[in-house]
Amino acid sequence: MDPDLMLVIGLVLAVLTIPSMLSAYAESRPPRAAAIVSLIAGVLIAVALTNKAGGYSIAEIPDVFYRVIGRYLN
């Protein structure tokens, strides 16, 4: 799998876990699903960072999103 795609999927999953965690805490239940998804997101981000030579900079992340979206829409 492409490191750019892994980074994008990991970041999207990480953002999607925030509402799930907040919902679980508001309802006083353990955030099991959110914890599993955040673990998967963390692994995807870590693998993407180690597979890309030189890693990613913060300023490069929007360009990575555009490249991945453009690659799969064209």
PDB file of N, CA and C in Angstrom:
ATOM      1  N   MET A   1       0.851  -1.177   0.000  1.00  0.00           N
ATOM      2  CA  MET A   1       0.000   0.000   0.000  1.00  0.00           C
ATOM      3  C   MET A   1       0.895   1.236   0.000  1.00  0.00           C
ATOM      4  N   ASP A   2       0.457   2.243  -0.660  1.00  0.00           N
ATOM      5  CA  ASP A   2       1.186   3.495  -0.794  1.00  0.00           C
ATOM      6  C   ASP A   2       1.249   4.236   0.546  1.00  0.00           C
ATOM      7  N   PRO A   3       2.416   4.759   0.942  1.00  0.00           N
ATOM      8  CA  PRO A   3       2.499   5.482   2.219  1.00  0.00           C
ATOM      9  C   PRO A   3       1.600   6.713   2.271  1.00  0.00           C
ATOM     10  N   ASP A   4       1.412   7.381   1.130  1.00  0.00           N
ATOM     11  CA  ASP A   4       0.523   8.546   1.115  1.00  0.00           C
ATOM     12  C   ASP A   4      -0.913   8.137   1.438  1.00  0.00           C
ATOM     13  N   LEU A   5      -1.359   7.037   0.862  1.00  0.00           N
ATOM     14  CA  LEU A   5      -2.713   6.552   1.115  1.00  0.00           C
ATOM     15  C   LEU A   5      -2.865   6.117   2.569  1.00  0.00           C
ATOM     16  N   MET A   6      -1.851   5.449   3.109  1.00  0.00           N
ATOM     17  CA  MET A   6      -1.912   5.041   4.521  1.00  0.00           C
ATOM     18  C   MET A   6      -1.989   6.254   5.445  1.00  0.00           C
ATOM     19  N   LEU A   7      -1.241   7.298   5.124  1.00  0.00           N
ATOM     20  CA  LEU A   7      -1.274   8.508   5.944  1.00  0.00           C
ATOM     21  C   LEU A   7      -2.651   9.154   5.898  1.00  0.00           C
ATOM     22  N   VAL A   8      -3.230   9.265   4.722  1.00  0.00           N
ATOM     23  CA  VAL A   8      -4.539   9.901   4.581  1.00  0.00           C
ATOM     24  C   VAL A   8      -5.614   9.091   5.310  1.00  0.00           C
ATOM     25  N   ILE A   9      -5.615   7.778   5.126  1.00  0.00           N
ATOM     26  CA  ILE A   9      -6.605   6.940   5.811  1.00  0.00           C
ATOM     27  C   ILE A   9      -6.415   7.020   7.323  1.00  0.00           C
ATOM     28  N   GLY A  10      -5.179   6.992   7.777  1.00  0.00           N
ATOM     29  CA  GLY A  10      -4.913   7.088   9.211  1.00  0.00           C
ATOM     30  C   GLY A  10      -5.372   8.411   9.803  1.00  0.00           C
ATOM     31  N   LEU A  11      -5.128   9.502   9.102  1.00  0.00           N
ATOM     32  CA  LEU A  11      -5.551  10.811   9.608  1.00  0.00           C
ATOM     33  C   LEU A  11      -7.075  10.953   9.617  1.00  0.00           C
ATOM     34  N   VAL A  12      -7.730  10.428   8.586  1.00  0.00           N
ATOM     35  CA  VAL A  12      -9.191  10.490   8.542  1.00  0.00           C
ATOM     36  C   VAL A  12      -9.790   9.652   9.670  1.00  0.00           C
ATOM     37  N   LEU A  13      -9.250   8.471   9.889  1.00  0.00           N
ATOM     38  CA  LEU A  13      -9.740   7.636  10.989  1.00  0.00           C
ATOM     39  C   LEU A  13      -9.490   8.287  12.345  1.00  0.00           C
ATOM     40  N   ALA A  14      -8.345   8.935  12.490  1.00  0.00           N
ATOM     41  CA  ALA A  14      -8.038   9.603  13.754  1.00  0.00           C
ATOM     42  C   ALA A  14      -9.027  10.727  14.036  1.00  0.00           C
ATOM     43  N   VAL A  15      -9.397  11.464  13.015  1.00  0.00           N
ATOM     44  CA  VAL A  15     -10.371  12.545  13.201  1.00  0.00           C
ATOM     45  C   VAL A  15     -11.753  11.977  13.514  1.00  0.00           C
ATOM     46  N   LEU A  16     -12.105  10.857  12.889  1.00  0.00           N
ATOM     47  CA  LEU A  16     -13.422  10.267  13.118  1.00  0.00           C
ATOM     48  C   LEU A  16     -13.574   9.622  14.495  1.00  0.00           C
ATOM     49  N   THR A  17     -12.480   9.344  15.178  1.00  0.00           N
ATOM     50  CA  THR A  17     -12.593   8.756  16.513  1.00  0.00           C
ATOM     51  C   THR A  17     -12.972   9.784  17.567  1.00  0.00           C
ATOM     52  N   ILE A  18     -12.740  11.051  17.297  1.00  0.00           N
ATOM     53  CA  ILE A  18     -13.023  12.085  18.303  1.00  0.00           C
ATOM     54  C   ILE A  18     -14.505  12.136  18.663  1.00  0.00           C
ATOM     55  N   PRO A  19     -15.439  12.199  17.709  1.00  0.00           N
ATOM     56  CA  PRO A  19     -16.854  12.190  18.103  1.00  0.00           C
ATOM     57  C   PRO A  19     -17.276  10.895  18.796  1.00  0.00           C
ATOM     58  N   SER A  20     -16.694   9.788  18.379  1.00  0.00           N
ATOM     59  CA  SER A  20     -17.027   8.514  18.998  1.00  0.00           C
ATOM     60  C   SER A  20     -16.564   8.479  20.451  1.00  0.00           C
ATOM     61  N   MET A  21     -15.395   8.998  20.727  1.00  0.00           N
ATOM     62  CA  MET A  21     -14.903   9.051  22.112  1.00  0.00           C
ATOM     63  C   MET A  21     -15.754   9.982  22.965  1.00  0.00           C
ATOM     64  N   LEU A  22     -16.087  11.140  22.418  1.00  0.00           N
ATOM     65  CA  LEU A  22     -16.916  12.080  23.168  1.00  0.00           C
ATOM     66  C   LEU A  22     -18.293  11.496  23.459  1.00  0.00           C
ATOM     67  N   SER A  23     -18.857  10.789  22.510  1.00  0.00           N
ATOM     68  CA  SER A  23     -20.155  10.156  22.704  1.00  0.00           C
ATOM     69  C   SER A  23     -20.082   9.083  23.784  1.00  0.00           C
ATOM     70  N   ALA A  24     -19.051   8.301  23.772  1.00  0.00           N
ATOM     71  CA  ALA A  24     -18.907   7.247  24.777  1.00  0.00           C
ATOM     72  C   ALA A  24     -18.744   7.840  26.179  1.00  0.00           C
ATOM     73  N   TYR A  25     -17.957   8.874  26.304  1.00  0.00           N
ATOM     74  CA  TYR A  25     -17.783   9.492  27.619  1.00  0.00           C
ATOM     75  C   TYR A  25     -19.052  10.183  28.091  1.00  0.00           C
ATOM     76  N   ALA A  26     -19.814  10.764  27.177  1.00  0.00           N
ATOM     77  CA  ALA A  26     -21.059  11.431  27.556  1.00  0.00           C
ATOM     78  C   ALA A  26     -22.100  10.426  28.042  1.00  0.00           C
ATOM     79  N   GLU A  27     -22.071   9.222  27.487  1.00  0.00           N
ATOM     80  CA  GLU A  27     -23.021   8.190  27.884  1.00  0.00           C
ATOM     81  C   GLU A  27     -22.477   7.280  28.975  1.00  0.00           C
ATOM     82  N   SER A  28     -21.317   7.603  29.534  1.00  0.00           N
ATOM     83  CA  SER A  28     -20.667   6.852  30.617  1.00  0.00           C
ATOM     84  C   SER A  28     -20.459   5.382  30.259  1.00  0.00           C
ATOM     85  N   ARG A  29     -19.955   5.152  29.082  1.00  0.00           N
ATOM     86  CA  ARG A  29     -19.610   3.796  28.678  1.00  0.00           C
ATOM     87  C   ARG A  29     -18.180   3.802  28.156  1.00  0.00           C
ATOM     88  N   PRO A  30     -17.529   2.658  28.199  1.00  0.00           N
ATOM     89  CA  PRO A  30     -16.137   2.627  27.727  1.00  0.00           C
ATOM     90  C   PRO A  30     -16.052   2.812  26.213  1.00  0.00           C
ATOM     91  N   PRO A  31     -15.091   3.580  25.766  1.00  0.00           N
ATOM     92  CA  PRO A  31     -14.962   3.854  24.320  1.00  0.00           C
ATOM     93  C   PRO A  31     -14.197   2.754  23.595  1.00  0.00           C
ATOM     94  N   ARG A  32     -14.728   1.558  23.580  1.00  0.00           N
ATOM     95  CA  ARG A  32     -14.015   0.422  22.982  1.00  0.00           C
ATOM     96  C   ARG A  32     -13.815   0.590  21.485  1.00  0.00           C
ATOM     97  N   ALA A  33     -14.871   0.897  20.767  1.00  0.00           N
ATOM     98  CA  ALA A  33     -14.757   1.035  19.308  1.00  0.00           C
ATOM     99  C   ALA A  33     -13.816   2.181  18.945  1.00  0.00           C
ATOM    100  N   ALA A  34     -13.934   3.286  19.663  1.00  0.00           N
ATOM    101  CA  ALA A  34     -13.064   4.432  19.388  1.00  0.00           C
ATOM    102  C   ALA A  34     -11.607   4.093  19.685  1.00  0.00           C
ATOM    103  N   ALA A  35     -11.376   3.318  20.718  1.00  0.00           N
ATOM    104  CA  ALA A  35     -10.005   2.937  21.057  1.00  0.00           C
ATOM    105  C   ALA A  35      -9.406   2.031  19.984  1.00  0.00           C
ATOM    106  N   ILE A  36     -10.197   1.106  19.476  1.00  0.00           N
ATOM    107  CA  ILE A  36      -9.700   0.203  18.434  1.00  0.00           C
ATOM    108  C   ILE A  36      -9.410   0.970  17.148  1.00  0.00           C
ATOM    109  N   VAL A  37     -10.322   1.858  16.770  1.00  0.00           N
ATOM    110  CA  VAL A  37     -10.125   2.633  15.539  1.00  0.00           C
ATOM    111  C   VAL A  37      -8.942   3.591  15.686  1.00  0.00           C
ATOM    112  N   SER A  38      -8.767   4.190  16.858  1.00  0.00           N
ATOM    113  CA  SER A  38      -7.623   5.082  17.050  1.00  0.00           C
ATOM    114  C   SER A  38      -6.309   4.305  17.045  1.00  0.00           C
ATOM    115  N   LEU A  39      -6.327   3.074  17.522  1.00  0.00           N
ATOM    116  CA  LEU A  39      -5.131   2.231  17.450  1.00  0.00           C
ATOM    117  C   LEU A  39      -4.788   1.915  15.994  1.00  0.00           C
ATOM    118  N   ILE A  40      -5.801   1.578  15.201  1.00  0.00           N
ATOM    119  CA  ILE A  40      -5.580   1.311  13.781  1.00  0.00           C
ATOM    120  C   ILE A  40      -5.055   2.566  13.082  1.00  0.00           C
ATOM    121  N   ALA A  41      -5.628   3.727  13.416  1.00  0.00           N
ATOM    122  CA  ALA A  41      -5.177   4.985  12.817  1.00  0.00           C
ATOM    123  C   ALA A  41      -3.726   5.269  13.181  1.00  0.00           C
ATOM    124  N   GLY A  42      -3.371   5.045  14.425  1.00  0.00           N
ATOM    125  CA  GLY A  42      -1.993   5.268  14.853  1.00  0.00           C
ATOM    126  C   GLY A  42      -1.006   4.361  14.144  1.00  0.00           C
ATOM    127  N   VAL A  43      -1.390   3.104  13.970  1.00  0.00           N
ATOM    128  CA  VAL A  43      -0.514   2.167  13.261  1.00  0.00           C
ATOM    129  C   VAL A  43      -0.355   2.585  11.801  1.00  0.00           C
ATOM    130  N   LEU A  44      -1.452   2.979  11.155  1.00  0.00           N
ATOM    131  CA  LEU A  44      -1.363   3.417   9.759  1.00  0.00           C
ATOM    132  C   LEU A  44      -0.468   4.646   9.610  1.00  0.00           C
ATOM    133  N   ILE A  45      -0.602   5.590  10.521  1.00  0.00           N
ATOM    134  CA  ILE A  45       0.230   6.797  10.459  1.00  0.00           C
ATOM    135  C   ILE A  45       1.694   6.454  10.705  1.00  0.00           C
ATOM    136  N   ALA A  46       1.954   5.592  11.685  1.00  0.00           N
ATOM    137  CA  ALA A  46       3.336   5.210  11.988  1.00  0.00           C
ATOM    138  C   ALA A  46       3.979   4.456  10.824  1.00  0.00           C
ATOM    139  N   VAL A  47       3.236   3.555  10.204  1.00  0.00           N
ATOM    140  CA  VAL A  47       3.776   2.808   9.068  1.00  0.00           C
ATOM    141  C   VAL A  47       4.031   3.742   7.889  1.00  0.00           C
ATOM    142  N   ALA A  48       3.125   4.688   7.668  1.00  0.00           N
ATOM    143  CA  ALA A  48       3.321   5.640   6.572  1.00  0.00           C
ATOM    144  C   ALA A  48       4.557   6.497   6.811  1.00  0.00           C
ATOM    145  N   LEU A  49       4.770   6.914   8.044  1.00  0.00           N
ATOM    146  CA  LEU A  49       5.937   7.749   8.347  1.00  0.00           C
ATOM    147  C   LEU A  49       7.243   6.984   8.208  1.00  0.00           C
ATOM    148  N   THR A  50       7.227   5.702   8.531  1.00  0.00           N
ATOM    149  CA  THR A  50       8.464   4.927   8.416  1.00  0.00           C
ATOM    150  C   THR A  50       8.730   4.462   6.986  1.00  0.00           C
ATOM    151  N   ASN A  51       7.680   4.267   6.187  1.00  0.00           N
ATOM    152  CA  ASN A  51       7.885   3.800   4.812  1.00  0.00           C
ATOM    153  C   ASN A  51       8.284   4.905   3.844  1.00  0.00           C
ATOM    154  N   LYS A  52       7.953   6.129   4.157  1.00  0.00           N
ATOM    155  CA  LYS A  52       8.311   7.253   3.278  1.00  0.00           C
ATOM    156  C   LYS A  52       9.724   7.705   3.621  1.00  0.00           C
ATOM    157  N   ALA A  53      10.581   7.728   2.635  1.00  0.00           N
ATOM    158  CA  ALA A  53      11.956   8.179   2.848  1.00  0.00           C
ATOM    159  C   ALA A  53      11.953   9.666   3.191  1.00  0.00           C
ATOM    160  N   GLY A  54      12.463  10.019   4.323  1.00  0.00           N
ATOM    161  CA  GLY A  54      12.497  11.408   4.753  1.00  0.00           C
ATOM    162  C   GLY A  54      11.281  11.822   5.552  1.00  0.00           C
ATOM    163  N   GLY A  55      10.257  10.991   5.600  1.00  0.00           N
ATOM    164  CA  GLY A  55       9.058  11.299   6.379  1.00  0.00           C
ATOM    165  C   GLY A  55       8.217  12.396   5.745  1.00  0.00           C
ATOM    166  N   TYR A  56       7.306  12.924   6.532  1.00  0.00           N
ATOM    167  CA  TYR A  56       6.403  13.990   6.090  1.00  0.00           C
ATOM    168  C   TYR A  56       6.593  15.202   7.001  1.00  0.00           C
ATOM    169  N   SER A  57       6.433  16.376   6.420  1.00  0.00           N
ATOM    170  CA  SER A  57       6.394  17.583   7.227  1.00  0.00           C
ATOM    171  C   SER A  57       4.935  17.996   7.389  1.00  0.00           C
ATOM    172  N   ILE A  58       4.666  18.834   8.356  1.00  0.00           N
ATOM    173  CA  ILE A  58       3.294  19.289   8.597  1.00  0.00           C
ATOM    174  C   ILE A  58       2.774  20.069   7.384  1.00  0.00           C
ATOM    175  N   ALA A  59       3.619  20.844   6.774  1.00  0.00           N
ATOM    176  CA  ALA A  59       3.207  21.647   5.616  1.00  0.00           C
ATOM    177  C   ALA A  59       2.921  20.797   4.386  1.00  0.00           C
ATOM    178  N   GLU A  60       3.430  19.573   4.375  1.00  0.00           N
ATOM    179  CA  GLU A  60       3.265  18.695   3.224  1.00  0.00           C
ATOM    180  C   GLU A  60       1.946  17.903   3.262  1.00  0.00           C
ATOM    181  N   ILE A  61       1.292  17.847   4.402  1.00  0.00           N
ATOM    182  CA  ILE A  61       0.096  17.013   4.566  1.00  0.00           C
ATOM    183  C   ILE A  61      -1.057  17.436   3.646  1.00  0.00           C
ATOM    184  N   PRO A  62      -1.380  18.726   3.489  1.00  0.00           N
ATOM    185  CA  PRO A  62      -2.454  19.064   2.538  1.00  0.00           C
ATOM    186  C   PRO A  62      -2.149  18.627   1.107  1.00  0.00           C
ATOM    187  N   ASP A  63      -0.888  18.722   0.693  1.00  0.00           N
ATOM    188  CA  ASP A  63      -0.512  18.266  -0.640  1.00  0.00           C
ATOM    189  C   ASP A  63      -0.688  16.756  -0.790  1.00  0.00           C
ATOM    190  N   VAL A  64      -0.406  16.024   0.275  1.00  0.00           N
ATOM    191  CA  VAL A  64      -0.594  14.572   0.247  1.00  0.00           C
ATOM    192  C   VAL A  64      -2.078  14.244   0.075  1.00  0.00           C
ATOM    193  N   PHE A  65      -2.950  14.961   0.789  1.00  0.00           N
ATOM    194  CA  PHE A  65      -4.390  14.757   0.639  1.00  0.00           C
ATOM    195  C   PHE A  65      -4.815  15.002  -0.806  1.00  0.00           C
ATOM    196  N   TYR A  66      -4.363  16.105  -1.395  1.00  0.00           N
ATOM    197  CA  TYR A  66      -4.738  16.435  -2.771  1.00  0.00           C
ATOM    198  C   TYR A  66      -4.220  15.391  -3.766  1.00  0.00           C
ATOM    199  N   ARG A  67      -3.001  14.908  -3.544  1.00  0.00           N
ATOM    200  CA  ARG A  67      -2.443  13.886  -4.439  1.00  0.00           C
ATOM    201  C   ARG A  67      -3.251  12.597  -4.382  1.00  0.00           C
ATOM    202  N   VAL A  68      -3.592  12.177  -3.169  1.00  0.00           N
ATOM    203  CA  VAL A  68      -4.325  10.911  -3.017  1.00  0.00           C
ATOM    204  C   VAL A  68      -5.727  11.040  -3.585  1.00  0.00           C
ATOM    205  N   ILE A  69      -6.408  12.135  -3.292  1.00  0.00           N
ATOM    206  CA  ILE A  69      -7.762  12.338  -3.829  1.00  0.00           C
ATOM    207  C   ILE A  69      -7.707  12.456  -5.337  1.00  0.00           C
ATOM    208  N   GLY A  70      -6.746  13.185  -5.864  1.00  0.00           N
ATOM    209  CA  GLY A  70      -6.614  13.342  -7.307  1.00  0.00           C
ATOM    210  C   GLY A  70      -6.298  12.036  -8.001  1.00  0.00           C
ATOM    211  N   ARG A  71      -5.485  11.205  -7.365  1.00  0.00           N
ATOM    212  CA  ARG A  71      -5.120   9.926  -7.949  1.00  0.00           C
ATOM    213  C   ARG A  71      -6.327   9.009  -8.087  1.00  0.00           C
ATOM    214  N   TYR A  72      -7.220   9.028  -7.122  1.00  0.00           N
ATOM    215  CA  TYR A  72      -8.350   8.108  -7.164  1.00  0.00           C
ATOM    216  C   TYR A  72      -9.580   8.697  -7.850  1.00  0.00           C
ATOM    217  N   LEU A  73      -9.612   9.993  -8.094  1.00  0.00           N
ATOM    218  CA  LEU A  73     -10.722  10.579  -8.841  1.00  0.00           C
ATOM    219  C   LEU A  73     -10.463  10.608 -10.332  1.00  0.00           C
ATOM    220  N   ASN A  74      -9.202  10.598 -10.719  1.00  0.00           N
ATOM    221  CA  ASN A  74      -8.880  10.624 -12.162  1.00  0.00           C
ATOM    222  C   ASN A  74      -8.873   9.267 -12.727  1.00  0.00           C
TER     223      ASN A  74
END
